[in-house]
Protein backbone atom coordinates (compact mmCIF):
# COMPACT_ATOMS: atom_id res chain seq x y z
CA MET A 1 103.43 94.31 112.73
CA VAL A 2 102.43 92.98 109.29
CA ILE A 3 102.23 95.14 106.18
CA ASP A 4 98.72 95.79 104.86
CA ARG A 5 99.50 95.98 101.15
CA ALA A 6 95.94 96.65 100.04
CA GLY A 7 95.38 99.31 102.68
CA LEU A 8 98.76 100.91 101.97
CA ALA A 9 98.12 101.01 98.22
CA GLU A 10 94.65 102.49 98.66
CA PHE A 11 95.89 105.15 101.07
CA LEU A 12 98.75 106.16 98.77
CA ARG A 13 96.46 106.43 95.75
CA HIS A 14 93.98 108.52 97.72
CA ARG A 15 96.62 110.92 99.05
CA ARG A 16 98.15 111.33 95.61
CA GLY A 17 94.71 112.04 94.18
CA VAL A 18 93.85 114.83 96.59
CA LEU A 19 97.20 116.62 96.40
CA GLN A 20 97.37 119.36 93.78
CA PRO A 21 100.62 120.52 92.12
CA GLU A 22 100.39 123.93 93.77
CA ASP A 23 100.14 122.20 97.18
CA VAL A 24 103.71 120.94 96.81
CA GLY A 25 105.27 123.83 94.90
CA LEU A 26 104.92 122.32 91.41
CA PRO A 27 103.56 124.16 88.34
CA ARG A 28 100.19 122.90 87.18
CA GLY A 29 100.91 123.25 83.46
CA GLN A 30 98.36 123.47 80.68
CA ARG A 31 98.42 119.81 79.64
CA ARG A 32 97.31 118.40 82.99
CA ARG A 33 93.81 116.98 82.49
CA THR A 34 93.14 115.19 85.77
CA GLY A 35 93.34 116.29 89.38
CA GLY A 36 95.99 115.11 91.78
CA LEU A 37 99.66 114.39 91.24
CA ARG A 38 101.26 111.98 88.81
CA ARG A 39 103.09 108.97 90.21
CA GLU A 40 106.43 110.21 88.93
CA GLU A 41 105.85 113.56 90.68
CA VAL A 42 105.15 111.86 94.00
CA ALA A 43 108.17 109.60 93.53
CA ALA A 44 110.39 112.64 92.99
CA LEU A 45 108.99 114.32 96.09
CA CYS A 46 109.69 111.14 98.07
CA HIS A 47 113.22 110.74 96.66
CA MET A 48 112.59 107.32 95.16
CA SER A 49 112.21 105.79 91.70
CA ALA A 50 108.86 106.02 89.95
CA ASP A 51 108.89 102.24 89.50
CA TYR A 52 109.33 101.64 93.24
CA TYR A 53 106.48 103.96 94.12
CA ALA A 54 104.22 102.50 91.41
CA ARG A 55 104.69 99.00 92.80
CA LEU A 56 103.58 100.15 96.24
CA GLU A 57 100.37 101.55 94.74
CA GLN A 58 99.90 98.25 92.91
CA GLU A 59 100.16 96.17 96.10
CA ARG A 60 103.48 94.62 95.18
CA GLY A 61 107.18 95.23 95.53
CA PRO A 62 109.43 95.02 98.62
CA HIS A 63 108.45 95.80 102.17
CA PRO A 64 109.33 99.53 102.54
CA SER A 65 111.79 100.36 105.29
CA GLU A 66 111.01 102.85 108.05
CA GLN A 67 113.27 105.38 106.34
CA MET A 68 111.39 104.93 103.06
CA VAL A 69 108.00 105.28 104.77
CA ALA A 70 109.18 108.48 106.48
CA SER A 71 110.25 109.84 103.09
CA ILE A 72 106.85 109.00 101.60
CA ALA A 73 105.04 110.65 104.51
CA GLN A 74 107.06 113.83 104.02
CA GLY A 75 106.71 113.80 100.25
CA LEU A 76 102.93 113.45 100.49
CA HIS A 77 102.76 116.30 103.03
CA LEU A 78 101.03 114.10 105.61
CA SER A 79 99.95 115.33 109.02
CA LEU A 80 101.34 113.52 112.07
CA ASP A 81 98.19 111.40 112.40
CA GLU A 82 98.35 110.50 108.72
CA ARG A 83 102.06 109.73 109.01
CA ASP A 84 101.42 107.37 111.93
CA HIS A 85 98.64 105.66 109.95
CA LEU A 86 100.99 105.20 106.99
CA PHE A 87 103.62 103.60 109.22
CA ARG A 88 101.11 101.12 110.62
CA LEU A 89 99.85 100.21 107.15
CA ALA A 90 103.45 99.59 106.11
CA GLY A 91 104.01 97.27 109.08
CA HIS A 92 106.05 99.60 111.30
CA ASN A 93 105.54 101.30 114.62
CA PRO A 94 105.18 105.08 114.18
CA PRO A 95 108.16 107.27 115.15
CA VAL A 96 108.13 109.33 118.30
CA ARG A 97 106.45 112.71 118.31
CA GLY A 98 107.60 115.94 119.88
CA SER A 99 110.97 117.67 119.83
CA ALA A 100 112.84 114.63 118.47
CA SER A 101 110.56 114.28 115.45
CA GLU A 102 111.90 115.38 112.06
CA HIS A 103 108.56 115.16 110.28
CA ILE A 104 107.76 118.65 108.99
CA SER A 105 104.16 119.81 109.29
CA PRO A 106 102.25 120.23 106.00
CA GLY A 107 101.61 123.89 106.78
CA LEU A 108 105.30 124.70 107.16
CA LEU A 109 106.08 122.78 103.97
CA ARG A 110 103.42 124.67 102.04
CA ILE A 111 105.00 127.96 103.03
CA LEU A 112 108.49 126.77 102.11
CA ASP A 113 107.28 125.49 98.73
CA ARG A 114 106.07 128.98 97.84
CA LEU A 115 109.37 130.72 98.59
CA HIS A 116 110.91 130.06 95.18
CA ASP A 117 112.74 133.39 95.01
CA THR A 118 113.88 133.53 98.64
CA PRO A 119 116.61 131.82 100.68
CA ALA A 120 114.76 129.83 103.34
CA GLU A 121 115.23 126.66 105.36
CA ILE A 122 113.44 124.57 107.96
CA VAL A 123 115.55 123.65 110.97
CA THR A 124 115.17 121.72 114.22
CA GLU A 125 115.67 123.31 117.61
CA LEU A 126 119.30 122.16 117.45
CA GLY A 127 119.93 123.84 114.11
CA GLU A 128 119.72 120.71 111.95
CA THR A 129 118.55 121.72 108.46
CA LEU A 130 115.68 119.53 107.24
CA ARG A 131 114.71 121.38 104.04
CA GLN A 132 116.04 124.28 101.97
CA THR A 133 114.83 126.31 99.03
CA PRO A 134 117.11 126.23 95.96
CA LEU A 135 118.19 129.82 96.66
CA SER A 136 119.19 128.83 100.19
CA VAL A 137 121.39 126.08 98.76
CA ALA A 138 122.92 128.62 96.38
CA LEU A 139 123.56 131.00 99.29
CA VAL A 140 125.02 128.71 101.97
CA GLY A 141 125.39 125.28 100.35
CA ASP A 142 123.44 122.06 100.86
CA LEU A 143 123.07 121.90 104.64
CA THR A 144 120.91 118.76 104.47
CA ALA A 145 123.89 116.68 103.29
CA PHE A 146 125.51 116.41 106.73
CA SER A 147 125.10 113.34 108.93
CA GLY A 148 125.60 112.51 112.58
CA PRO A 149 126.48 115.33 115.00
CA ALA A 150 127.62 117.47 112.06
CA ARG A 151 123.98 118.01 111.10
CA CYS A 152 123.88 120.57 113.91
CA ILE A 153 125.22 124.00 112.87
CA GLY A 154 126.44 124.63 116.41
CA TYR A 155 128.52 121.44 116.36
CA ARG A 156 130.00 122.35 112.96
CA TRP A 157 130.80 125.84 114.21
CA PHE A 158 133.22 124.45 116.79
CA THR A 159 134.61 121.50 114.82
CA ASP A 160 134.79 122.61 111.16
CA PRO A 161 136.72 125.84 110.44
CA ALA A 162 135.25 126.02 106.93
CA VAL A 163 131.83 126.88 108.38
CA ARG A 164 133.08 130.25 109.60
CA GLU A 165 134.15 131.30 106.10
CA ARG A 166 130.46 131.98 105.32
CA TYR A 167 130.18 134.56 108.11
CA ALA A 168 131.81 137.98 108.54
CA PRO A 169 134.73 137.73 111.02
CA GLU A 170 133.34 140.53 113.21
CA ASP A 171 130.28 138.33 113.93
CA HIS A 172 132.27 135.26 115.00
CA PRO A 173 132.54 136.07 118.74
CA LEU A 174 128.78 136.61 119.05
CA LEU A 175 127.97 133.45 117.09
CA THR A 176 130.34 131.44 119.29
CA ARG A 177 128.52 132.64 122.41
CA MET A 178 125.10 132.21 120.78
CA TYR A 179 125.62 128.56 119.76
CA ALA A 180 126.91 127.61 123.22
CA SER A 181 124.09 129.51 124.92
CA GLY A 182 121.45 127.94 122.69
CA LEU A 183 122.74 124.42 123.28
CA ARG A 184 122.77 124.96 127.05
CA GLN A 185 119.19 126.19 126.93
CA ILE A 186 117.96 123.18 124.90
CA LEU A 187 119.85 120.79 127.18
CA ALA A 188 118.09 122.23 130.23
CA LEU A 189 114.75 121.93 128.44
CA ARG A 190 115.21 118.36 127.16
CA GLY A 191 117.25 116.80 129.95
CA PRO A 192 120.49 114.85 130.47
CA ASP A 193 119.51 111.99 128.14
CA SER A 194 118.72 114.26 125.18
CA LYS A 195 120.52 114.78 121.89
CA ALA A 196 121.52 118.23 123.17
CA ALA A 197 123.31 116.63 126.13
CA HIS A 198 125.14 114.26 123.78
CA LEU A 199 126.26 117.14 121.56
CA ALA A 200 127.50 119.10 124.56
CA GLU A 201 129.48 116.10 125.78
CA LEU A 202 131.07 115.66 122.35
CA LEU A 203 132.00 119.32 122.07
CA LEU A 204 133.43 119.45 125.58
CA GLY A 205 135.79 116.68 124.55
CA GLN A 206 136.71 118.11 121.15
CA SER A 207 136.85 121.91 121.37
CA GLU A 208 138.81 124.02 123.84
CA GLU A 209 136.99 127.11 122.57
CA PHE A 210 133.63 125.47 123.33
CA ARG A 211 134.80 124.50 126.84
CA GLU A 212 135.77 128.10 127.56
CA VAL A 213 132.52 129.65 126.40
CA TRP A 214 130.45 126.81 127.92
CA ASN A 215 131.92 127.57 131.32
CA ASP A 216 130.54 131.13 131.10
CA HIS A 217 127.01 129.67 131.55
CA GLU A 218 125.44 132.31 129.30
CA ILE A 219 121.74 131.99 128.48
CA GLY A 220 119.62 133.94 126.01
CA VAL A 221 122.35 135.22 123.68
CA ARG A 222 120.53 136.46 120.57
CA PRO A 223 121.83 137.06 117.02
CA HIS A 224 122.11 140.54 115.54
CA GLU A 225 119.10 141.78 113.59
CA VAL A 226 121.22 141.82 110.43
CA LYS A 227 123.27 138.78 109.42
CA HIS A 228 126.54 139.36 107.57
CA LEU A 229 127.16 136.44 105.21
CA ILE A 230 130.03 135.84 102.82
CA HIS A 231 129.26 134.18 99.49
CA PRO A 232 132.29 132.70 97.69
CA GLU A 233 131.38 134.41 94.40
CA LEU A 234 129.26 137.41 95.33
CA GLY A 235 131.07 138.51 98.46
CA ALA A 236 129.45 140.15 101.48
CA LEU A 237 125.68 140.24 101.96
CA GLU A 238 123.62 141.89 104.69
CA LEU A 239 120.42 139.91 105.28
CA ASN A 240 117.57 140.00 107.76
CA CYS A 241 116.33 136.67 109.11
CA GLN A 242 112.67 136.15 109.98
CA ARG A 243 111.74 133.06 112.01
CA LEU A 244 108.39 131.26 111.94
CA VAL A 245 108.13 128.67 114.73
CA ASP A 246 106.04 125.48 114.69
CA PRO A 247 105.81 124.80 118.44
CA GLY A 248 104.20 121.38 117.98
CA GLN A 249 107.30 120.04 116.21
CA ALA A 250 109.97 122.38 117.61
CA HIS A 251 110.82 123.35 114.02
CA SER A 252 111.51 126.82 112.66
CA LEU A 253 111.24 128.27 109.17
CA LEU A 254 114.07 130.76 108.60
CA VAL A 255 113.55 133.27 105.79
CA PHE A 256 116.40 135.55 104.64
CA THR A 257 115.62 138.87 102.98
CA ALA A 258 117.52 141.98 101.92
CA VAL A 259 116.39 145.60 101.92
CA PRO A 260 114.89 146.37 98.49
CA GLY A 261 117.24 148.46 96.37
CA SER A 262 120.30 147.58 98.46
CA GLU A 263 123.46 146.01 97.10
CA SER A 264 122.60 142.79 98.96
CA HIS A 265 119.17 142.72 97.31
CA GLU A 266 120.80 142.98 93.90
CA LYS A 267 123.20 140.17 94.82
CA LEU A 268 120.30 137.92 95.84
CA GLN A 269 118.64 138.57 92.49
CA LEU A 270 121.90 137.68 90.75
CA LEU A 271 122.21 134.57 92.90
CA SER A 272 118.79 133.37 91.72
CA VAL A 273 120.17 133.53 88.17
CA ILE A 274 123.49 131.86 88.99
CA GLY A 275 121.76 129.06 90.89
CA SER A 276 123.30 126.47 93.16
CA GLN A 277 126.44 125.85 91.14
CA PRO A 278 129.30 123.97 92.83
CA HIS A 279 131.53 126.33 94.78
């Protein structure tokens, strides 16, 4: 496929023009005179330089890679149809849809963007974190930084002992069973050629603990209503986790809250002040 520079530039300018700051979790500010987003704001949302993005809108610059186009589609909060159109304009075949897609729906992103004072994250069905609020990063670290199989929380649970330091020891046995049970359920749903099957094969070869719990063939193990987390500076927190599911993309929005007036609620308020400092 050949890039349509004029069509790509026109589409990008139009999408930038119709997006409002509040649509993407940005403050409008009093000095903003025109509608839409500024180029530098879109560039920041797309994790690229303002100069690179500006050249695309000006029908020049390099041919954007598939990874760059995917980042633009997510930054501009495009729907799946709009994302596919963007890929074709940029001279690429659109990515697959369904459970393997990592493109977050605009609706789910809009909700996440409004949760400034709440730990929240968007995850895939395999527990791969796609987006986090700043307070989520402050609470559990940057979970989007992992690559390969380690993107999956269940894989990290059995291969990286440091992961368990964030959870109360009394919850470890249940979480061990839950991650194995969840992976088995996704494998049955997606089939022997799926990412879930690959993760199971890796874990069977790397973790004796996983092999033992996997052989129990448990299905439907659910987490406790209250999660007991350990923050390296604030100590123990008791948090409820609400889940909003986007069935079209097999993504979930996880929102963590504490009972108002509780010690954990006060710690979350303190955490919002401390911010995501290195731990």
